[in-house]
């Protein structure tokens, strides 16, 4: 495991952070491009419910960042150029695991579409 050294981790939304300004897409326990987690969007949400759920997920991710030991770099990048990584918590879990367990996120697989507006 290669941990990124970040002097500042800033939360963008429930499943994205910045490590000293570098965009990181969190994938939880997933394998790059095969599995991971998704949270509701706060940027261009499809409905008010998605916006509210996204804000709650973002708030929870901010709390989890305070309990993090670092970001594990997978060495891969998504199609937006963001590094894919795992936010590792002091208890050994990933932020993705916790967000799914607590209902702030859902598991993600390629080509899956999650409707947060239902």
C-alpha atoms as a PDB file:
ATOM      1  CA  UNK A   1       0.000   0.000   0.000  1.00  0.00           C
ATOM      2  CA  UNK A   2       1.366   3.405  -1.018  1.00  0.00           C
ATOM      3  CA  UNK A   3      -0.077   6.232   1.048  1.00  0.00           C
ATOM      4  CA  UNK A   4      -0.146   9.682  -0.498  1.00  0.00           C
ATOM      5  CA  UNK A   5       1.324  12.370   1.717  1.00  0.00           C
ATOM      6  CA  UNK A   6      -1.188  15.201   2.003  1.00  0.00           C
ATOM      7  CA  UNK A   7      -0.677  18.283   4.114  1.00  0.00           C
ATOM      8  CA  UNK A   8      -4.330  19.150   3.396  1.00  0.00           C
ATOM      9  CA  UNK A   9      -7.230  16.921   2.365  1.00  0.00           C
ATOM     10  CA  UNK A  10     -10.199  18.988   1.172  1.00  0.00           C
ATOM     11  CA  UNK A  11     -13.576  17.358   0.548  1.00  0.00           C
ATOM     12  CA  UNK A  12     -15.156  18.174  -2.820  1.00  0.00           C
ATOM     13  CA  UNK A  13     -18.223  15.950  -2.405  1.00  0.00           C
ATOM     14  CA  UNK A  14     -19.106  12.586  -0.886  1.00  0.00           C
ATOM     15  CA  UNK A  15     -16.777  10.562  -3.114  1.00  0.00           C
ATOM     16  CA  UNK A  16     -14.152  13.117  -4.195  1.00  0.00           C
ATOM     17  CA  UNK A  17     -11.379  14.884  -2.296  1.00  0.00           C
ATOM     18  CA  UNK A  18      -8.327  16.985  -3.058  1.00  0.00           C
ATOM     19  CA  UNK A  19      -4.920  16.080  -1.681  1.00  0.00           C
ATOM     20  CA  UNK A  20      -2.943  19.331  -1.707  1.00  0.00           C
ATOM     21  CA  UNK A  21      -4.998  20.430  -4.715  1.00  0.00           C
ATOM     22  CA  UNK A  22      -4.820  17.126  -6.636  1.00  0.00           C
ATOM     23  CA  UNK A  23      -8.263  15.692  -7.428  1.00  0.00           C
ATOM     24  CA  UNK A  24      -8.849  12.189  -6.048  1.00  0.00           C
ATOM     25  CA  UNK A  25     -11.881  10.016  -6.841  1.00  0.00           C
ATOM     26  CA  UNK A  26     -12.424   7.720  -3.878  1.00  0.00           C
ATOM     27  CA  UNK A  27     -13.163   4.079  -4.735  1.00  0.00           C
ATOM     28  CA  UNK A  28     -13.462   2.514  -1.288  1.00  0.00           C
ATOM     29  CA  UNK A  29     -12.609  -1.186  -1.282  1.00  0.00           C
ATOM     30  CA  UNK A  30     -13.195  -1.425  -5.003  1.00  0.00           C
ATOM     31  CA  UNK A  31     -10.817  -2.334  -7.787  1.00  0.00           C
ATOM     32  CA  UNK A  32     -10.128   0.505 -10.240  1.00  0.00           C
ATOM     33  CA  UNK A  33     -12.656   0.482 -13.112  1.00  0.00           C
ATOM     34  CA  UNK A  34     -14.384  -2.657 -11.738  1.00  0.00           C
ATOM     35  CA  UNK A  35     -16.065  -1.690  -8.466  1.00  0.00           C
ATOM     36  CA  UNK A  36     -16.305   1.058  -5.907  1.00  0.00           C
ATOM     37  CA  UNK A  37     -18.951   3.360  -4.462  1.00  0.00           C
ATOM     38  CA  UNK A  38     -20.998   6.344  -5.541  1.00  0.00           C
ATOM     39  CA  UNK A  39     -22.594   9.163  -3.586  1.00  0.00           C
ATOM     40  CA  UNK A  40     -25.345  11.559  -4.673  1.00  0.00           C
ATOM     41  CA  UNK A  41     -24.177  14.612  -6.609  1.00  0.00           C
ATOM     42  CA  UNK A  42     -24.180  18.147  -5.288  1.00  0.00           C
ATOM     43  CA  UNK A  43     -23.052  19.623  -8.627  1.00  0.00           C
ATOM     44  CA  UNK A  44     -25.896  19.506 -11.130  1.00  0.00           C
ATOM     45  CA  UNK A  45     -28.116  17.115  -9.147  1.00  0.00           C
ATOM     46  CA  UNK A  46     -31.131  15.708 -10.993  1.00  0.00           C
ATOM     47  CA  UNK A  47     -33.558  16.598  -8.191  1.00  0.00           C
ATOM     48  CA  UNK A  48     -33.764  18.300  -4.798  1.00  0.00           C
ATOM     49  CA  UNK A  49     -33.605  14.955  -3.014  1.00  0.00           C
ATOM     50  CA  UNK A  50     -30.287  14.107  -4.697  1.00  0.00           C
ATOM     51  CA  UNK A  51     -28.891  17.510  -3.668  1.00  0.00           C
ATOM     52  CA  UNK A  52     -29.906  17.005  -0.033  1.00  0.00           C
ATOM     53  CA  UNK A  53     -28.533  13.438   0.063  1.00  0.00           C
ATOM     54  CA  UNK A  54     -25.351  14.663  -1.597  1.00  0.00           C
ATOM     55  CA  UNK A  55     -24.883  17.381   0.995  1.00  0.00           C
ATOM     56  CA  UNK A  56     -25.320  14.812   3.780  1.00  0.00           C
ATOM     57  CA  UNK A  57     -22.752  12.485   2.144  1.00  0.00           C
ATOM     58  CA  UNK A  58     -20.322  15.385   1.762  1.00  0.00           C
ATOM     59  CA  UNK A  59     -20.709  16.305   5.430  1.00  0.00           C
ATOM     60  CA  UNK A  60     -20.105  12.691   6.484  1.00  0.00           C
ATOM     61  CA  UNK A  61     -17.006  12.470   4.272  1.00  0.00           C
ATOM     62  CA  UNK A  62     -15.660  15.630   5.970  1.00  0.00           C
ATOM     63  CA  UNK A  63     -16.104  13.891   9.322  1.00  0.00           C
ATOM     64  CA  UNK A  64     -14.339  10.770   8.049  1.00  0.00           C
ATOM     65  CA  UNK A  65     -11.389  12.803   6.747  1.00  0.00           C
ATOM     66  CA  UNK A  66     -10.708  13.864  10.342  1.00  0.00           C
ATOM     67  CA  UNK A  67     -10.325  10.149  11.225  1.00  0.00           C
ATOM     68  CA  UNK A  68      -8.142   9.263   8.229  1.00  0.00           C
ATOM     69  CA  UNK A  69      -4.552   8.067   8.215  1.00  0.00           C
ATOM     70  CA  UNK A  70      -4.135   8.866   4.522  1.00  0.00           C
ATOM     71  CA  UNK A  71      -5.101   8.145   0.945  1.00  0.00           C
ATOM     72  CA  UNK A  72      -3.960   4.940  -0.705  1.00  0.00           C
ATOM     73  CA  UNK A  73      -2.951   5.648  -4.301  1.00  0.00           C
ATOM     74  CA  UNK A  74      -4.035   2.955  -6.785  1.00  0.00           C
ATOM     75  CA  UNK A  75      -1.790   4.365  -9.518  1.00  0.00           C
ATOM     76  CA  UNK A  76      -4.839   4.680 -11.836  1.00  0.00           C
ATOM     77  CA  UNK A  77      -6.793   7.708 -13.081  1.00  0.00           C
ATOM     78  CA  UNK A  78     -10.419   8.049 -14.215  1.00  0.00           C
ATOM     79  CA  UNK A  79     -11.554   9.533 -17.535  1.00  0.00           C
ATOM     80  CA  UNK A  80     -11.595  13.008 -15.932  1.00  0.00           C
ATOM     81  CA  UNK A  81      -7.909  12.673 -14.994  1.00  0.00           C
ATOM     82  CA  UNK A  82      -8.590  12.247 -11.274  1.00  0.00           C
ATOM     83  CA  UNK A  83      -6.376   9.821  -9.376  1.00  0.00           C
ATOM     84  CA  UNK A  84      -8.295   6.834  -7.997  1.00  0.00           C
ATOM     85  CA  UNK A  85      -7.653   6.246  -4.308  1.00  0.00           C
ATOM     86  CA  UNK A  86      -8.928   4.932  -1.015  1.00  0.00           C
ATOM     87  CA  UNK A  87      -9.359   7.102   2.076  1.00  0.00           C
ATOM     88  CA  UNK A  88      -7.994   4.830   4.818  1.00  0.00           C
ATOM     89  CA  UNK A  89      -9.358   5.357   8.326  1.00  0.00           C
ATOM     90  CA  UNK A  90      -7.612   4.724  11.652  1.00  0.00           C
ATOM     91  CA  UNK A  91      -9.737   1.597  12.214  1.00  0.00           C
ATOM     92  CA  UNK A  92      -8.490   0.092   8.926  1.00  0.00           C
ATOM     93  CA  UNK A  93     -11.746   0.612   7.040  1.00  0.00           C
ATOM     94  CA  UNK A  94     -12.106   2.795   3.972  1.00  0.00           C
ATOM     95  CA  UNK A  95     -14.383   5.815   3.814  1.00  0.00           C
ATOM     96  CA  UNK A  96     -16.317   3.997   1.081  1.00  0.00           C
ATOM     97  CA  UNK A  97     -17.046   1.061   3.382  1.00  0.00           C
ATOM     98  CA  UNK A  98     -18.374   3.359   6.081  1.00  0.00           C
ATOM     99  CA  UNK A  99     -20.421   5.505   3.681  1.00  0.00           C
ATOM    100  CA  UNK A 100     -22.089   2.384   2.228  1.00  0.00           C
ATOM    101  CA  UNK A 101     -22.701   0.871   5.682  1.00  0.00           C
ATOM    102  CA  UNK A 102     -24.306   4.114   6.890  1.00  0.00           C
ATOM    103  CA  UNK A 103     -26.450   4.605   3.756  1.00  0.00           C
ATOM    104  CA  UNK A 104     -24.665   7.688   2.369  1.00  0.00           C
ATOM    105  CA  UNK A 105     -23.344   5.766  -0.662  1.00  0.00           C
ATOM    106  CA  UNK A 106     -24.193   2.781  -2.816  1.00  0.00           C
ATOM    107  CA  UNK A 107     -21.893   0.187  -4.377  1.00  0.00           C
ATOM    108  CA  UNK A 108     -20.801   1.051  -7.921  1.00  0.00           C
ATOM    109  CA  UNK A 109     -20.057  -1.242 -10.875  1.00  0.00           C
ATOM    110  CA  UNK A 110     -19.197  -0.260 -14.477  1.00  0.00           C
ATOM    111  CA  UNK A 111     -22.169   1.084 -16.430  1.00  0.00           C
ATOM    112  CA  UNK A 112     -24.350   1.192 -13.308  1.00  0.00           C
ATOM    113  CA  UNK A 113     -26.734   4.128 -13.033  1.00  0.00           C
ATOM    114  CA  UNK A 114     -27.976   5.017  -9.580  1.00  0.00           C
ATOM    115  CA  UNK A 115     -31.200   7.013  -9.381  1.00  0.00           C
ATOM    116  CA  UNK A 116     -31.032   9.112  -6.212  1.00  0.00           C
ATOM    117  CA  UNK A 117     -34.378  10.761  -7.037  1.00  0.00           C
ATOM    118  CA  UNK A 118     -36.618   7.778  -6.274  1.00  0.00           C
END
